[in-house]
Amino acid sequence: MYYFEVSLSWFTSPELIVELKKMGILTVATINRNRLRGCTLKSDKELSKAGRGAYEVKYEKTSGMSIVKWYDNKAVLLASSFIGPEHVERCRRWSKEKKEYVEVDRPHIVKVYNHNMGGVDLADMFAALYRIDIRPRRWYLRILYYLIDLSLVNGWLLYRCHLTQKQEKKYMPLLDFRVKVADALIKVGKQADLISRKRGRPSLEDDPTSHQAAPPPPPLQRISAPSVDVRLDRCDHFPIHAEKRGRCRLCKNGYTQMACLKCKVLLCFTKDKNCFLEYHMTK
């Protein structure tokens, strides 16, 4: 089992917490009081009279879910399927009246929630940096675009988690990661543009029965290496003659003027070594 923290209280309900527990996902989240389904707790005034750090807890016997109401500067409602208020510990809080830090009782569920809530907030912040700025009339497309943004952020965070200490210093920024993913989705499994295609009806010059020679392929541009998915898709990786000679992308010791039409990188192809084949066959 693993923890699943919900930072937005309007998404949380007792039914959701129970279903997640059946799936093996343990939950701790804030919850609105209109979602408590008849679970009565002390009012905010009653807890405020007891002082900062006062709390009340109710348990649901069937699922083992706990509902905790804790009063700090104001009342906070939390629900969890795996944790309760035990063990209560002391924490420092700023007092406006005394203008100093004071010791306040804090249930353990509050500590666990505060420790894990930053992950969801951080993911929302990253998703908002380069959000897909489209406002469609169909409301469900907004959900689709949000899920795409969230998937890209989660993929980038997983990429960061698997980096070594040396690689962490030169990690790929989020914007470059999104560009790489977009480039892979556009190019993987697709044919390379051997000639420039024109819009509209074909003219007599574009007639394949004509004996005119086909225009040469576009000149090679110096760009970054393609993604692994594009490099290994085995689709239209043809050798072409580059305009300028340069170092091989794979071995970096030999100089060559042969390049890949789709990947736009220089690769050796001689009697002794075949970097062109190795580059498109191995990771």
Protein backbone atom coordinates (compact mmCIF):
# COMPACT_ATOMS: atom_id res chain seq x y z
CA MET A 1 0.00 0.00 0.00
CA TYR A 2 1.03 3.61 -0.49
CA TYR A 3 -0.27 6.99 0.63
CA PHE A 4 -2.50 9.15 -1.49
CA GLU A 5 -2.89 12.74 -0.34
CA VAL A 6 -5.70 14.99 -1.59
CA SER A 7 -4.98 18.69 -1.11
CA LEU A 8 -8.28 20.06 -2.45
CA SER A 9 -11.06 19.50 0.07
CA TRP A 10 -13.93 19.69 -2.45
CA PHE A 11 -12.66 16.47 -4.10
CA THR A 12 -12.79 14.51 -0.83
CA SER A 13 -15.74 12.42 0.33
CA PRO A 14 -16.13 9.42 2.66
CA GLU A 15 -17.15 7.24 -0.29
CA LEU A 16 -13.96 8.16 -2.17
CA ILE A 17 -11.79 7.33 0.85
CA VAL A 18 -13.46 3.92 1.26
CA GLU A 19 -13.10 3.04 -2.45
CA LEU A 20 -9.44 4.06 -2.47
CA LYS A 21 -8.78 1.84 0.54
CA LYS A 22 -10.34 -1.12 -1.30
CA MET A 23 -7.86 -0.44 -4.12
CA GLY A 24 -4.95 -0.46 -1.66
CA ILE A 25 -4.54 3.32 -1.56
CA LEU A 26 -4.41 4.88 1.90
CA THR A 27 -5.72 8.44 2.15
CA VAL A 28 -5.31 11.53 4.32
CA ALA A 29 -7.07 14.70 3.20
CA THR A 30 -9.01 17.76 4.24
CA ILE A 31 -12.77 17.51 3.85
CA ASN A 32 -15.70 19.94 3.83
CA ARG A 33 -18.17 19.60 6.66
CA ASN A 34 -21.13 19.24 4.26
CA ARG A 35 -19.61 15.92 3.13
CA LEU A 36 -19.64 14.30 6.58
CA ARG A 37 -22.94 12.46 5.97
CA GLY A 38 -24.45 13.00 9.44
CA CYS A 39 -21.23 12.82 11.45
CA THR A 40 -21.77 15.44 14.15
CA LEU A 41 -18.78 17.22 15.68
CA LYS A 42 -18.31 20.10 18.05
CA SER A 43 -18.87 23.58 16.64
CA ASP A 44 -16.03 26.02 16.02
CA LYS A 45 -17.10 28.10 19.05
CA GLU A 46 -16.94 25.11 21.38
CA LEU A 47 -13.45 24.20 20.23
CA SER A 48 -12.27 27.81 20.38
CA LYS A 49 -13.37 28.01 24.03
CA ALA A 50 -11.21 24.94 24.76
CA GLY A 51 -8.24 26.83 23.30
CA ARG A 52 -5.77 26.30 20.48
CA GLY A 53 -4.84 22.67 19.98
CA ALA A 54 -8.27 21.31 20.99
CA TYR A 55 -9.62 18.53 18.78
CA GLU A 56 -12.37 15.95 18.45
CA VAL A 57 -12.30 12.62 16.62
CA LYS A 58 -15.00 10.28 15.31
CA TYR A 59 -14.44 6.78 13.84
CA GLU A 60 -16.40 4.81 11.29
CA LYS A 61 -16.39 1.20 12.50
CA THR A 62 -16.91 -0.58 9.17
CA SER A 63 -14.08 0.98 7.17
CA GLY A 64 -11.95 2.26 10.06
CA MET A 65 -12.04 5.81 8.71
CA SER A 66 -11.35 8.62 11.18
CA ILE A 67 -12.66 12.19 11.09
CA VAL A 68 -10.64 14.71 13.11
CA LYS A 69 -11.56 18.33 13.76
CA TRP A 70 -8.64 20.37 15.09
CA TYR A 71 -8.68 24.01 16.14
CA ASP A 72 -5.63 26.17 15.50
CA ASN A 73 -6.25 29.71 14.25
CA LYS A 74 -9.46 28.25 12.88
CA ALA A 75 -11.07 24.83 12.70
CA VAL A 76 -9.67 22.25 10.29
CA LEU A 77 -11.44 19.03 9.26
CA LEU A 78 -9.36 16.02 8.16
CA ALA A 79 -10.31 12.49 7.12
CA SER A 80 -8.07 9.45 6.83
CA SER A 81 -8.35 5.72 6.21
CA PHE A 82 -5.12 4.77 8.01
CA ILE A 83 -4.28 7.31 10.71
CA GLY A 84 -5.94 9.16 13.60
CA PRO A 85 -5.00 11.79 16.18
CA GLU A 86 -2.64 9.51 18.13
CA HIS A 87 0.06 10.35 19.10
CA VAL A 88 -0.60 13.97 20.02
CA GLU A 89 2.56 16.08 20.14
CA ARG A 90 3.46 19.69 20.76
CA CYS A 91 4.26 22.17 17.99
CA ARG A 92 5.17 25.85 17.81
CA ARG A 93 2.58 28.35 16.62
CA TRP A 94 2.72 32.14 16.44
CA SER A 95 0.36 33.94 18.80
CA LYS A 96 -0.91 37.34 17.66
CA GLU A 97 -2.04 38.26 21.15
CA LYS A 98 1.21 37.44 22.94
CA LYS A 99 3.34 38.23 19.87
CA GLU A 100 5.52 35.20 20.43
CA TYR A 101 5.64 31.49 19.65
CA VAL A 102 3.56 29.22 21.89
CA GLU A 103 3.33 25.45 22.29
CA VAL A 104 0.11 23.92 20.89
CA ASP A 105 -1.16 20.32 20.86
CA ARG A 106 -1.16 18.85 17.34
CA PRO A 107 -2.74 15.48 16.41
CA HIS A 108 -0.53 13.14 14.39
CA ILE A 109 -2.90 13.23 11.41
CA VAL A 110 -2.20 16.95 11.01
CA LYS A 111 1.55 16.34 10.98
CA VAL A 112 1.25 13.63 8.31
CA TYR A 113 -1.00 15.81 6.16
CA ASN A 114 1.30 18.83 6.35
CA HIS A 115 4.29 16.66 5.48
CA ASN A 116 2.70 15.23 2.31
CA MET A 117 0.50 18.05 1.02
CA GLY A 118 3.43 19.84 -0.63
CA GLY A 119 3.68 17.19 -3.37
CA VAL A 120 0.25 17.95 -4.83
CA ASP A 121 0.70 21.72 -4.51
CA LEU A 122 4.10 21.49 -6.20
CA ALA A 123 2.66 19.42 -9.06
CA ASP A 124 -0.09 22.01 -9.57
CA MET A 125 2.52 24.75 -9.66
CA PHE A 126 4.60 22.94 -12.29
CA ALA A 127 1.49 22.24 -14.38
CA ALA A 128 0.58 25.95 -14.30
CA LEU A 129 4.01 27.04 -15.62
CA TYR A 130 3.45 25.83 -19.20
CA ARG A 131 -0.26 25.06 -19.21
CA ILE A 132 -1.97 24.30 -22.53
CA ASP A 133 -3.66 27.65 -23.12
CA ILE A 134 -6.75 26.57 -25.04
CA ARG A 135 -10.31 27.50 -24.09
CA PRO A 136 -12.61 25.08 -25.89
CA ARG A 137 -16.39 25.34 -25.81
CA ARG A 138 -16.71 21.70 -24.80
CA TRP A 139 -16.03 21.51 -21.09
CA TYR A 140 -14.62 17.97 -21.09
CA LEU A 141 -11.70 19.07 -23.28
CA ARG A 142 -10.47 21.20 -20.39
CA ILE A 143 -10.23 18.03 -18.31
CA LEU A 144 -8.30 16.33 -21.12
CA TYR A 145 -5.79 19.18 -21.39
CA TYR A 146 -5.36 19.25 -17.61
CA LEU A 147 -4.63 15.50 -17.57
CA ILE A 148 -2.05 15.98 -20.35
CA ASP A 149 -0.31 18.73 -18.37
CA LEU A 150 -0.40 16.62 -15.21
CA SER A 151 0.98 13.56 -17.03
CA LEU A 152 3.88 15.60 -18.40
CA VAL A 153 4.71 16.94 -14.94
CA ASN A 154 4.56 13.45 -13.40
CA GLY A 155 6.77 12.09 -16.18
CA TRP A 156 9.30 14.87 -15.62
CA LEU A 157 9.33 14.22 -11.87
CA LEU A 158 9.92 10.49 -12.47
CA TYR A 159 12.76 11.41 -14.84
CA ARG A 160 14.27 13.56 -12.08
CA CYS A 161 13.93 10.75 -9.52
CA HIS A 162 15.95 8.31 -11.65
CA LEU A 163 18.88 10.65 -12.26
CA THR A 164 22.19 9.97 -10.61
CA GLN A 165 24.02 12.59 -8.55
CA LYS A 166 26.22 13.54 -11.50
CA GLN A 167 23.25 13.77 -13.89
CA GLU A 168 21.21 15.82 -11.41
CA LYS A 169 23.48 18.83 -11.96
CA LYS A 170 22.62 18.88 -15.69
CA TYR A 171 19.02 17.70 -15.66
CA MET A 172 16.59 18.59 -18.44
CA PRO A 173 14.32 21.55 -17.56
CA LEU A 174 10.57 21.02 -17.66
CA LEU A 175 10.11 23.08 -20.82
CA ASP A 176 12.76 21.07 -22.70
CA PHE A 177 11.16 17.85 -21.44
CA ARG A 178 7.77 18.91 -22.86
CA VAL A 179 9.41 19.78 -26.18
CA LYS A 180 11.10 16.36 -26.29
CA VAL A 181 7.82 14.57 -25.64
CA ALA A 182 6.01 16.62 -28.28
CA ASP A 183 8.79 15.97 -30.80
CA ALA A 184 8.64 12.22 -30.11
CA LEU A 185 4.85 12.09 -30.50
CA ILE A 186 5.07 13.96 -33.80
CA LYS A 187 7.92 11.97 -35.35
CA VAL A 188 7.83 8.44 -33.91
CA GLY A 189 6.65 5.93 -36.50
CA LYS A 190 6.10 8.69 -39.09
CA GLN A 191 7.66 9.01 -42.50
CA ALA A 192 10.33 11.62 -43.07
CA ASP A 193 9.55 14.55 -45.34
CA LEU A 194 11.65 13.71 -48.38
CA ILE A 195 10.18 16.58 -50.36
CA SER A 196 8.23 19.62 -49.30
CA ARG A 197 4.50 19.06 -49.70
CA LYS A 198 2.29 21.82 -51.08
CA ARG A 199 -1.28 22.50 -50.03
CA GLY A 200 -4.12 22.40 -52.53
CA ARG A 201 -4.61 20.44 -55.73
CA PRO A 202 -1.44 19.05 -57.36
CA SER A 203 -0.19 20.91 -60.41
CA LEU A 204 1.32 19.48 -63.58
CA GLU A 205 4.77 20.00 -62.12
CA ASP A 206 3.91 17.58 -59.29
CA ASP A 207 2.73 14.88 -61.71
CA PRO A 208 4.71 11.69 -60.93
CA THR A 209 4.59 10.72 -64.64
CA SER A 210 6.66 13.75 -65.57
CA HIS A 211 10.37 13.21 -66.16
CA GLN A 212 11.52 16.12 -64.08
CA ALA A 213 14.03 15.27 -61.37
CA ALA A 214 12.81 15.34 -57.78
CA PRO A 215 14.08 18.28 -55.71
CA PRO A 216 17.00 17.53 -53.37
CA PRO A 217 16.31 16.83 -49.70
CA PRO A 218 16.31 19.81 -47.34
CA PRO A 219 19.69 20.88 -45.98
CA LEU A 220 20.80 19.36 -42.69
CA GLN A 221 20.28 21.60 -39.69
CA ARG A 222 22.27 21.33 -36.51
CA ILE A 223 19.74 20.40 -33.80
CA SER A 224 19.80 18.41 -30.61
CA ALA A 225 19.69 14.63 -30.65
CA PRO A 226 16.23 13.08 -31.19
CA SER A 227 14.43 11.20 -28.45
CA VAL A 228 15.00 7.47 -28.01
CA ASP A 229 11.51 6.64 -29.31
CA VAL A 230 12.16 8.47 -32.58
CA ARG A 231 15.68 7.11 -32.95
CA LEU A 232 14.60 3.46 -32.56
CA ASP A 233 11.29 3.51 -34.45
CA ARG A 234 12.99 2.09 -37.62
CA CYS A 235 10.97 4.27 -39.93
CA ASP A 236 12.55 6.34 -42.74
CA HIS A 237 16.06 6.64 -41.29
CA PHE A 238 17.80 7.15 -44.65
CA PRO A 239 21.45 8.24 -45.12
CA ILE A 240 21.97 11.55 -46.90
CA HIS A 241 24.98 13.63 -47.81
CA ALA A 242 25.38 16.62 -45.48
CA GLU A 243 26.61 19.98 -46.71
CA LYS A 244 29.37 20.25 -44.11
CA ARG A 245 31.63 17.67 -42.56
CA GLY A 246 31.53 17.20 -38.82
CA ARG A 247 32.03 14.81 -35.91
CA CYS A 248 30.02 11.64 -35.65
CA ARG A 249 27.20 11.80 -33.08
CA LEU A 250 27.93 8.28 -31.76
CA CYS A 251 31.69 7.75 -31.67
CA LYS A 252 32.68 11.47 -31.67
CA ASN A 253 36.16 10.49 -32.85
CA GLY A 254 35.64 10.19 -36.57
CA TYR A 255 34.60 12.91 -39.01
CA THR A 256 31.90 12.23 -41.57
CA GLN A 257 29.66 13.97 -44.07
CA MET A 258 26.89 11.36 -43.95
CA ALA A 259 23.78 12.10 -41.87
CA CYS A 260 20.36 10.66 -41.10
CA LEU A 261 17.50 12.32 -42.95
CA LYS A 262 15.04 11.95 -40.05
CA CYS A 263 17.28 12.37 -37.02
CA LYS A 264 19.33 15.19 -38.57
CA VAL A 265 22.59 13.95 -36.99
CA LEU A 266 26.00 13.08 -38.49
CA LEU A 267 26.95 9.38 -38.33
CA CYS A 268 29.94 7.35 -39.56
CA PHE A 269 29.57 4.59 -42.13
CA THR A 270 32.92 3.13 -43.19
CA LYS A 271 34.53 -0.24 -43.78
CA ASP A 272 35.68 -0.50 -40.15
CA LYS A 273 32.60 0.80 -38.32
CA ASN A 274 28.92 1.40 -38.93
CA CYS A 275 27.75 4.03 -36.46
CA PHE A 276 24.66 4.67 -38.57
CA LEU A 277 23.32 1.15 -37.93
CA GLU A 278 24.36 1.07 -34.26
CA TYR A 279 22.78 4.46 -33.57
CA HIS A 280 19.36 3.28 -34.81
CA MET A 281 19.50 -0.22 -33.27
CA THR A 282 20.79 0.12 -29.70
CA LYS A 283 19.95 2.34 -26.74
